[in-house]
Amino acid sequence: SNALTPWEVIVKRLKAAASGGFVTVLYNPRS
């Protein structure tokens, strides 16, 4: 959800999760 968090910030976090090898849980995935 980018209602309160800028999408650019979310992208950074997704990249970190992916490159770090984390299992990742996505909340509020689609609306």
Full PDB file with SEQRES, HELIX, SHEET, SSBOND, CRYST1, ORIGX, SCALE, CONECT and MASTER records, all heavy atoms in Angstrom:
SEQRES   1 A   31  SER ASN ALA LEU THR PRO TRP GLU VAL ILE VAL LYS ARG          
SEQRES   2 A   31  LEU LYS ALA ALA ALA SER GLY GLY PHE VAL THR VAL LEU          
SEQRES   3 A   31  TYR ASN PRO ARG SER                                          
HELIX    1 AA1 TRP A    7  SER A   19  1                                  13    
CRYST1    1.000    1.000    1.000  90.00  90.00  90.00 P 1           1          
ORIGX1      1.000000  0.000000  0.000000        0.00000                         
ORIGX2      0.000000  1.000000  0.000000        0.00000                         
ORIGX3      0.000000  0.000000  1.000000        0.00000                         
SCALE1      1.000000  0.000000  0.000000        0.00000                         
SCALE2      0.000000  1.000000  0.000000        0.00000                         
SCALE3      0.000000  0.000000  1.000000        0.00000                         
ATOM      1  N   SER A   1       0.843  -1.199   0.000  1.00  0.00           N  
ATOM      2  CA  SER A   1       0.000   0.000   0.000  1.00  0.00           C  
ATOM      3  C   SER A   1       0.875   1.245   0.000  1.00  0.00           C  
ATOM      4  O   SER A   1       1.707   1.432   0.892  1.00  0.00           O  
ATOM      5  CB  SER A   1      -0.913   0.005   1.224  1.00  0.00           C  
ATOM      6  OG  SER A   1      -1.619   1.232   1.298  1.00  0.00           O  
ATOM      7  N   ASN A   2       0.669   2.086  -0.985  1.00  0.00           N  
ATOM      8  CA  ASN A   2       1.433   3.336  -1.056  1.00  0.00           C  
ATOM      9  C   ASN A   2       0.613   4.538  -0.601  1.00  0.00           C  
ATOM     10  O   ASN A   2       0.909   5.672  -0.935  1.00  0.00           O  
ATOM     11  CB  ASN A   2       1.972   3.564  -2.468  1.00  0.00           C  
ATOM     12  CG  ASN A   2       0.869   3.629  -3.520  1.00  0.00           C  
ATOM     13  OD1 ASN A   2      -0.295   3.357  -3.228  1.00  0.00           O  
ATOM     14  ND2 ASN A   2       1.231   3.975  -4.745  1.00  0.00           N  
ATOM     15  N   ALA A   3      -0.434   4.279   0.193  1.00  0.00           N  
ATOM     16  CA  ALA A   3      -1.254   5.373   0.705  1.00  0.00           C  
ATOM     17  C   ALA A   3      -0.478   6.226   1.704  1.00  0.00           C  
ATOM     18  O   ALA A   3      -0.627   7.454   1.727  1.00  0.00           O  
ATOM     19  CB  ALA A   3      -2.512   4.812   1.367  1.00  0.00           C  
ATOM     20  N   LEU A   4       0.364   5.588   2.516  1.00  0.00           N  
ATOM     21  CA  LEU A   4       1.126   6.314   3.539  1.00  0.00           C  
ATOM     22  C   LEU A   4       2.633   6.230   3.315  1.00  0.00           C  
ATOM     23  O   LEU A   4       3.387   6.999   3.905  1.00  0.00           O  
ATOM     24  CB  LEU A   4       0.789   5.760   4.930  1.00  0.00           C  
ATOM     25  CG  LEU A   4      -0.667   5.870   5.369  1.00  0.00           C  
ATOM     26  CD1 LEU A   4      -0.879   5.186   6.711  1.00  0.00           C  
ATOM     27  CD2 LEU A   4      -1.109   7.325   5.447  1.00  0.00           C  
ATOM     28  N   THR A   5       3.067   5.280   2.493  1.00  0.00           N  
ATOM     29  CA  THR A   5       4.491   5.097   2.211  1.00  0.00           C  
ATOM     30  C   THR A   5       4.738   5.289   0.718  1.00  0.00           C  
ATOM     31  O   THR A   5       4.081   4.628  -0.096  1.00  0.00           O  
ATOM     32  CB  THR A   5       4.953   3.684   2.620  1.00  0.00           C  
ATOM     33  OG1 THR A   5       4.633   3.474   4.001  1.00  0.00           O  
ATOM     34  CG2 THR A   5       6.447   3.516   2.409  1.00  0.00           C  
ATOM     35  N   PRO A   6       5.651   6.164   0.313  1.00  0.00           N  
ATOM     36  CA  PRO A   6       5.910   6.383  -1.121  1.00  0.00           C  
ATOM     37  C   PRO A   6       6.338   5.080  -1.800  1.00  0.00           C  
ATOM     38  O   PRO A   6       7.069   4.261  -1.212  1.00  0.00           O  
ATOM     39  CB  PRO A   6       7.043   7.412  -1.127  1.00  0.00           C  
ATOM     40  CG  PRO A   6       6.947   8.096   0.192  1.00  0.00           C  
ATOM     41  CD  PRO A   6       6.477   7.053   1.162  1.00  0.00           C  
ATOM     42  N   TRP A   7       5.894   4.894  -3.039  1.00  0.00           N  
ATOM     43  CA  TRP A   7       6.229   3.676  -3.774  1.00  0.00           C  
ATOM     44  C   TRP A   7       7.735   3.521  -3.921  1.00  0.00           C  
ATOM     45  O   TRP A   7       8.258   2.407  -3.900  1.00  0.00           O  
ATOM     46  CB  TRP A   7       5.541   3.673  -5.136  1.00  0.00           C  
ATOM     47  CG  TRP A   7       5.847   2.454  -5.960  1.00  0.00           C  
ATOM     48  CD1 TRP A   7       6.501   2.405  -7.163  1.00  0.00           C  
ATOM     49  CD2 TRP A   7       5.516   1.098  -5.636  1.00  0.00           C  
ATOM     50  NE1 TRP A   7       6.597   1.105  -7.610  1.00  0.00           N  
ATOM     51  CE2 TRP A   7       5.999   0.275  -6.686  1.00  0.00           C  
ATOM     52  CE3 TRP A   7       4.870   0.487  -4.555  1.00  0.00           C  
ATOM     53  CZ2 TRP A   7       5.859  -1.108  -6.697  1.00  0.00           C  
ATOM     54  CZ3 TRP A   7       4.714  -0.895  -4.570  1.00  0.00           C  
ATOM     55  CH2 TRP A   7       5.210  -1.672  -5.622  1.00  0.00           C  
ATOM     56  N   GLU A   8       8.462   4.615  -4.039  1.00  0.00           N  
ATOM     57  CA  GLU A   8       9.913   4.541  -4.186  1.00  0.00           C  
ATOM     58  C   GLU A   8      10.552   3.892  -2.954  1.00  0.00           C  
ATOM     59  O   GLU A   8      11.526   3.146  -3.067  1.00  0.00           O  
ATOM     60  CB  GLU A   8      10.503   5.944  -4.391  1.00  0.00           C  
ATOM     61  CG  GLU A   8      10.096   6.632  -5.689  1.00  0.00           C  
ATOM     62  CD  GLU A   8       8.682   7.181  -5.653  1.00  0.00           C  
ATOM     63  OE1 GLU A   8       8.109   7.277  -4.541  1.00  0.00           O  
ATOM     64  OE2 GLU A   8       8.145   7.522  -6.730  1.00  0.00           O  
ATOM     65  N   VAL A   9       9.997   4.163  -1.789  1.00  0.00           N  
ATOM     66  CA  VAL A   9      10.500   3.554  -0.558  1.00  0.00           C  
ATOM     67  C   VAL A   9      10.170   2.060  -0.530  1.00  0.00           C  
ATOM     68  O   VAL A   9      10.997   1.222  -0.140  1.00  0.00           O  
ATOM     69  CB  VAL A   9       9.906   4.263   0.677  1.00  0.00           C  
ATOM     70  CG1 VAL A   9      10.305   3.537   1.959  1.00  0.00           C  
ATOM     71  CG2 VAL A   9      10.348   5.717   0.721  1.00  0.00           C  
ATOM     72  N   ILE A  10       8.965   1.727  -0.953  1.00  0.00           N  
ATOM     73  CA  ILE A  10       8.548   0.326  -0.997  1.00  0.00           C  
ATOM     74  C   ILE A  10       9.449  -0.454  -1.945  1.00  0.00           C  
ATOM     75  O   ILE A  10       9.852  -1.594  -1.653  1.00  0.00           O  
ATOM     76  CB  ILE A  10       7.070   0.209  -1.418  1.00  0.00           C  
ATOM     77  CG1 ILE A  10       6.183   0.884  -0.367  1.00  0.00           C  
ATOM     78  CG2 ILE A  10       6.666  -1.249  -1.602  1.00  0.00           C  
ATOM     79  CD1 ILE A  10       4.727   1.001  -0.766  1.00  0.00           C  
ATOM     80  N   VAL A  11       9.793   0.141  -3.082  1.00  0.00           N  
ATOM     81  CA  VAL A  11      10.673  -0.525  -4.054  1.00  0.00           C  
ATOM     82  C   VAL A  11      12.019  -0.846  -3.421  1.00  0.00           C  
ATOM     83  O   VAL A  11      12.562  -1.954  -3.598  1.00  0.00           O  
ATOM     84  CB  VAL A  11      10.846   0.352  -5.312  1.00  0.00           C  
ATOM     85  CG1 VAL A  11      11.987  -0.169  -6.183  1.00  0.00           C  
ATOM     86  CG2 VAL A  11       9.554   0.388  -6.113  1.00  0.00           C  
ATOM     87  N   LYS A  12      12.596   0.093  -2.669  1.00  0.00           N  
ATOM     88  CA  LYS A  12      13.879  -0.146  -1.996  1.00  0.00           C  
ATOM     89  C   LYS A  12      13.783  -1.330  -1.046  1.00  0.00           C  
ATOM     90  O   LYS A  12      14.689  -2.164  -0.965  1.00  0.00           O  
ATOM     91  CB  LYS A  12      14.321   1.105  -1.240  1.00  0.00           C  
ATOM     92  CG  LYS A  12      14.739   2.269  -2.129  1.00  0.00           C  
ATOM     93  CD  LYS A  12      15.164   3.462  -1.275  1.00  0.00           C  
ATOM     94  CE  LYS A  12      15.572   4.649  -2.140  1.00  0.00           C  
ATOM     95  NZ  LYS A  12      15.960   5.824  -1.302  1.00  0.00           N  
ATOM     96  N   ARG A  13      12.681  -1.402  -0.336  1.00  0.00           N  
ATOM     97  CA  ARG A  13      12.507  -2.490   0.626  1.00  0.00           C  
ATOM     98  C   ARG A  13      12.328  -3.831  -0.079  1.00  0.00           C  
ATOM     99  O   ARG A  13      12.837  -4.859   0.386  1.00  0.00           O  
ATOM    100  CB  ARG A  13      11.312  -2.173   1.531  1.00  0.00           C  
ATOM    101  CG  ARG A  13      11.578  -0.971   2.426  1.00  0.00           C  
ATOM    102  CD  ARG A  13      10.348  -0.488   3.171  1.00  0.00           C  
ATOM    103  NE  ARG A  13      10.690   0.664   4.010  1.00  0.00           N  
ATOM    104  CZ  ARG A  13       9.806   1.415   4.661  1.00  0.00           C  
ATOM    105  NH1 ARG A  13       8.513   1.133   4.573  1.00  0.00           N  
ATOM    106  NH2 ARG A  13      10.208   2.437   5.396  1.00  0.00           N  
ATOM    107  N   LEU A  14      11.607  -3.824  -1.186  1.00  0.00           N  
ATOM    108  CA  LEU A  14      11.425  -5.063  -1.954  1.00  0.00           C  
ATOM    109  C   LEU A  14      12.758  -5.553  -2.508  1.00  0.00           C  
ATOM    110  O   LEU A  14      13.054  -6.760  -2.476  1.00  0.00           O  
ATOM    111  CB  LEU A  14      10.419  -4.835  -3.082  1.00  0.00           C  
ATOM    112  CG  LEU A  14       8.964  -4.613  -2.653  1.00  0.00           C  
ATOM    113  CD1 LEU A  14       8.129  -4.155  -3.849  1.00  0.00           C  
ATOM    114  CD2 LEU A  14       8.368  -5.877  -2.052  1.00  0.00           C  
ATOM    115  N   LYS A  15      13.553  -4.632  -3.033  1.00  0.00           N  
ATOM    116  CA  LYS A  15      14.865  -5.012  -3.565  1.00  0.00           C  
ATOM    117  C   LYS A  15      15.748  -5.595  -2.471  1.00  0.00           C  
ATOM    118  O   LYS A  15      16.451  -6.586  -2.690  1.00  0.00           O  
ATOM    119  CB  LYS A  15      15.542  -3.798  -4.212  1.00  0.00           C  
ATOM    120  CG  LYS A  15      14.924  -3.366  -5.530  1.00  0.00           C  
ATOM    121  CD  LYS A  15      15.680  -2.180  -6.121  1.00  0.00           C  
ATOM    122  CE  LYS A  15      15.111  -1.784  -7.482  1.00  0.00           C  
ATOM    123  NZ  LYS A  15      15.840  -0.612  -8.054  1.00  0.00           N  
ATOM    124  N   ALA A  16      15.693  -4.985  -1.286  1.00  0.00           N  
ATOM    125  CA  ALA A  16      16.499  -5.490  -0.172  1.00  0.00           C  
ATOM    126  C   ALA A  16      16.043  -6.883   0.248  1.00  0.00           C  
ATOM    127  O   ALA A  16      16.867  -7.764   0.538  1.00  0.00           O  
ATOM    128  CB  ALA A  16      16.409  -4.528   1.010  1.00  0.00           C  
ATOM    129  N   ALA A  17      14.728  -7.095   0.274  1.00  0.00           N  
ATOM    130  CA  ALA A  17      14.199  -8.405   0.644  1.00  0.00           C  
ATOM    131  C   ALA A  17      14.607  -9.469  -0.366  1.00  0.00           C  
ATOM    132  O   ALA A  17      15.019 -10.578  -0.003  1.00  0.00           O  
ATOM    133  CB  ALA A  17      12.677  -8.335   0.748  1.00  0.00           C  
ATOM    134  N   ALA A  18      14.489  -9.113  -1.642  1.00  0.00           N  
ATOM    135  CA  ALA A  18      14.826 -10.076  -2.697  1.00  0.00           C  
ATOM    136  C   ALA A  18      16.316 -10.392  -2.706  1.00  0.00           C  
ATOM    137  O   ALA A  18      16.726 -11.560  -2.748  1.00  0.00           O  
ATOM    138  CB  ALA A  18      14.391  -9.529  -4.053  1.00  0.00           C  
ATOM    139  N   SER A  19      17.156  -9.357  -2.655  1.00  0.00           N  
ATOM    140  CA  SER A  19      18.604  -9.579  -2.713  1.00  0.00           C  
ATOM    141  C   SER A  19      19.123 -10.242  -1.443  1.00  0.00           C  
ATOM    142  O   SER A  19      20.145 -10.927  -1.451  1.00  0.00           O  
ATOM    143  CB  SER A  19      19.338  -8.251  -2.946  1.00  0.00           C  
ATOM    144  OG  SER A  19      19.116  -7.357  -1.865  1.00  0.00           O  
ATOM    145  N   GLY A  20      18.406 -10.080  -0.327  1.00  0.00           N  
ATOM    146  CA  GLY A  20      18.821 -10.675   0.934  1.00  0.00           C  
ATOM    147  C   GLY A  20      18.401 -12.114   1.104  1.00  0.00           C  
ATOM    148  O   GLY A  20      18.767 -12.747   2.097  1.00  0.00           O  
ATOM    149  N   GLY A  21      17.634 -12.636   0.162  1.00  0.00           N  
ATOM    150  CA  GLY A  21      17.219 -14.030   0.236  1.00  0.00           C  
ATOM    151  C   GLY A  21      16.136 -14.313   1.260  1.00  0.00           C  
ATOM    152  O   GLY A  21      15.971 -15.457   1.701  1.00  0.00           O  
ATOM    153  N   PHE A  22      15.403 -13.298   1.645  1.00  0.00           N  
ATOM    154  CA  PHE A  22      14.330 -13.498   2.621  1.00  0.00           C  
ATOM    155  C   PHE A  22      13.096 -14.126   1.977  1.00  0.00           C  
ATOM    156  O   PHE A  22      12.740 -13.787   0.843  1.00  0.00           O  
ATOM    157  CB  PHE A  22      13.900 -12.153   3.222  1.00  0.00           C  
ATOM    158  CG  PHE A  22      14.907 -11.521   4.126  1.00  0.00           C  
ATOM    159  CD1 PHE A  22      15.787 -10.557   3.629  1.00  0.00           C  
ATOM    160  CD2 PHE A  22      14.971 -11.862   5.460  1.00  0.00           C  
ATOM    161  CE1 PHE A  22      16.710  -9.954   4.465  1.00  0.00           C  
ATOM    162  CE2 PHE A  22      15.901 -11.258   6.304  1.00  0.00           C  
ATOM    163  CZ  PHE A  22      16.774 -10.309   5.803  1.00  0.00           C  
ATOM    164  N   VAL A  23      12.422 -15.011   2.689  1.00  0.00           N  
ATOM    165  CA  VAL A  23      11.038 -15.291   2.371  1.00  0.00           C  
ATOM    166  C   VAL A  23      10.280 -13.997   2.657  1.00  0.00           C  
ATOM    167  O   VAL A  23      10.502 -13.356   3.682  1.00  0.00           O  
ATOM    168  CB  VAL A  23      10.474 -16.437   3.230  1.00  0.00           C  
ATOM    169  CG1 VAL A  23       8.976 -16.589   3.011  1.00  0.00           C  
ATOM    170  CG2 VAL A  23      11.187 -17.740   2.903  1.00  0.00           C  
ATOM    171  N   THR A  24       9.417 -13.593   1.738  1.00  0.00           N  
ATOM    172  CA  THR A  24       8.775 -12.288   1.865  1.00  0.00           C  
ATOM    173  C   THR A  24       7.261 -12.420   1.855  1.00  0.00           C  
ATOM    174  O   THR A  24       6.696 -13.103   1.004  1.00  0.00           O  
ATOM    175  CB  THR A  24       9.210 -11.350   0.730  1.00  0.00           C  
ATOM    176  OG1 THR A  24      10.649 -11.257   0.728  1.00  0.00           O  
ATOM    177  CG2 THR A  24       8.631  -9.954   0.918  1.00  0.00           C  
ATOM    178  N   VAL A  25       6.627 -11.765   2.817  1.00  0.00           N  
ATOM    179  CA  VAL A  25       5.172 -11.740   2.904  1.00  0.00           C  
ATOM    180  C   VAL A  25       4.697 -10.362   2.469  1.00  0.00           C  
ATOM    181  O   VAL A  25       5.196  -9.344   2.968  1.00  0.00           O  
ATOM    182  CB  VAL A  25       4.697 -12.031   4.338  1.00  0.00           C  
ATOM    183  CG1 VAL A  25       3.169 -12.129   4.377  1.00  0.00           C  
ATOM    184  CG2 VAL A  25       5.332 -13.316   4.868  1.00  0.00           C  
ATOM    185  N   LEU A  26       3.761 -10.331   1.539  1.00  0.00           N  
ATOM    186  CA  LEU A  26       3.243  -9.065   1.025  1.00  0.00           C  
ATOM    187  C   LEU A  26       1.840  -8.823   1.551  1.00  0.00           C  
ATOM    188  O   LEU A  26       0.925  -9.620   1.321  1.00  0.00           O  
ATOM    189  CB  LEU A  26       3.228  -9.081  -0.512  1.00  0.00           C  
ATOM    190  CG  LEU A  26       4.576  -9.299  -1.208  1.00  0.00           C  
ATOM    191  CD1 LEU A  26       4.390  -9.295  -2.721  1.00  0.00           C  
ATOM    192  CD2 LEU A  26       5.592  -8.241  -0.785  1.00  0.00           C  
ATOM    193  N   TYR A  27       1.684  -7.715   2.292  1.00  0.00           N  
ATOM    194  CA  TYR A  27       0.366  -7.286   2.744  1.00  0.00           C  
ATOM    195  C   TYR A  27      -0.188  -6.287   1.730  1.00  0.00           C  
ATOM    196  O   TYR A  27       0.559  -5.616   1.013  1.00  0.00           O  
ATOM    197  CB  TYR A  27       0.470  -6.595   4.103  1.00  0.00           C  
ATOM    198  CG  TYR A  27       0.651  -7.523   5.294  1.00  0.00           C  
ATOM    199  CD1 TYR A  27       1.304  -8.749   5.189  1.00  0.00           C  
ATOM    200  CD2 TYR A  27       0.167  -7.159   6.542  1.00  0.00           C  
ATOM    201  CE1 TYR A  27       1.468  -9.575   6.279  1.00  0.00           C  
ATOM    202  CE2 TYR A  27       0.337  -7.977   7.649  1.00  0.00           C  
ATOM    203  CZ  TYR A  27       0.989  -9.191   7.515  1.00  0.00           C  
ATOM    204  OH  TYR A  27       1.149 -10.008   8.607  1.00  0.00           O  
ATOM    205  N   ASN A  28      -1.517  -6.162   1.689  1.00  0.00           N  
ATOM    206  CA  ASN A  28      -2.193  -5.200   0.801  1.00  0.00           C  
ATOM    207  C   ASN A  28      -1.661  -5.306  -0.630  1.00  0.00           C  
ATOM    208  O   ASN A  28      -1.234  -4.311  -1.224  1.00  0.00           O  
ATOM    209  CB  ASN A  28      -1.993  -3.774   1.317  1.00  0.00           C  
ATOM    210  CG  ASN A  28      -2.394  -3.621   2.770  1.00  0.00           C  
ATOM    211  OD1 ASN A  28      -3.486  -3.997   3.164  1.00  0.00           O  
ATOM    212  ND2 ASN A  28      -1.495  -3.075   3.577  1.00  0.00           N  
ATOM    213  N   PRO A  29      -1.688  -6.501  -1.210  1.00  0.00           N  
ATOM    214  CA  PRO A  29      -0.990  -6.705  -2.481  1.00  0.00           C  
ATOM    215  C   PRO A  29      -1.647  -6.080  -3.706  1.00  0.00           C  
ATOM    216  O   PRO A  29      -0.953  -5.706  -4.649  1.00  0.00           O  
ATOM    217  CB  PRO A  29      -0.960  -8.233  -2.624  1.00  0.00           C  
ATOM    218  CG  PRO A  29      -2.162  -8.693  -1.872  1.00  0.00           C  
ATOM    219  CD  PRO A  29      -2.283  -7.759  -0.707  1.00  0.00           C  
ATOM    220  N   ARG A  30      -2.958  -5.959  -3.694  1.00  0.00           N  
ATOM    221  CA  ARG A  30      -3.618  -5.460  -4.909  1.00  0.00           C  
ATOM    222  C   ARG A  30      -4.962  -4.855  -4.533  1.00  0.00           C  
ATOM    223  O   ARG A  30      -5.678  -5.390  -3.699  1.00  0.00           O  
ATOM    224  CB  ARG A  30      -3.809  -6.610  -5.903  1.00  0.00           C  
ATOM    225  CG  ARG A  30      -4.399  -6.209  -7.241  1.00  0.00           C  
ATOM    226  CD  ARG A  30      -4.501  -7.433  -8.147  1.00  0.00           C  
ATOM    227  NE  ARG A  30      -3.197  -7.799  -8.719  1.00  0.00           N  
ATOM    228  CZ  ARG A  30      -2.903  -9.011  -9.171  1.00  0.00           C  
ATOM    229  NH1 ARG A  30      -3.783  -9.989  -9.066  1.00  0.00           N  
ATOM    230  NH2 ARG A  30      -1.714  -9.241  -9.703  1.00  0.00           N  
ATOM    231  N   SER A  31      -5.295  -3.742  -5.156  1.00  0.00           N  
ATOM    232  CA  SER A  31      -6.605  -3.124  -4.948  1.00  0.00           C  
ATOM    233  C   SER A  31      -7.083  -2.523  -6.271  1.00  0.00           C  
ATOM    234  O   SER A  31      -6.348  -2.491  -7.263  1.00  0.00           O  
ATOM    235  CB  SER A  31      -6.522  -2.028  -3.879  1.00  0.00           C  
ATOM    236  OG  SER A  31      -5.791  -0.915  -4.362  1.00  0.00           O  
TER     237      SER A  31                                                      
MASTER        0    0    0    1    0    0    0    6  236    1    0    3          
END                                                                             
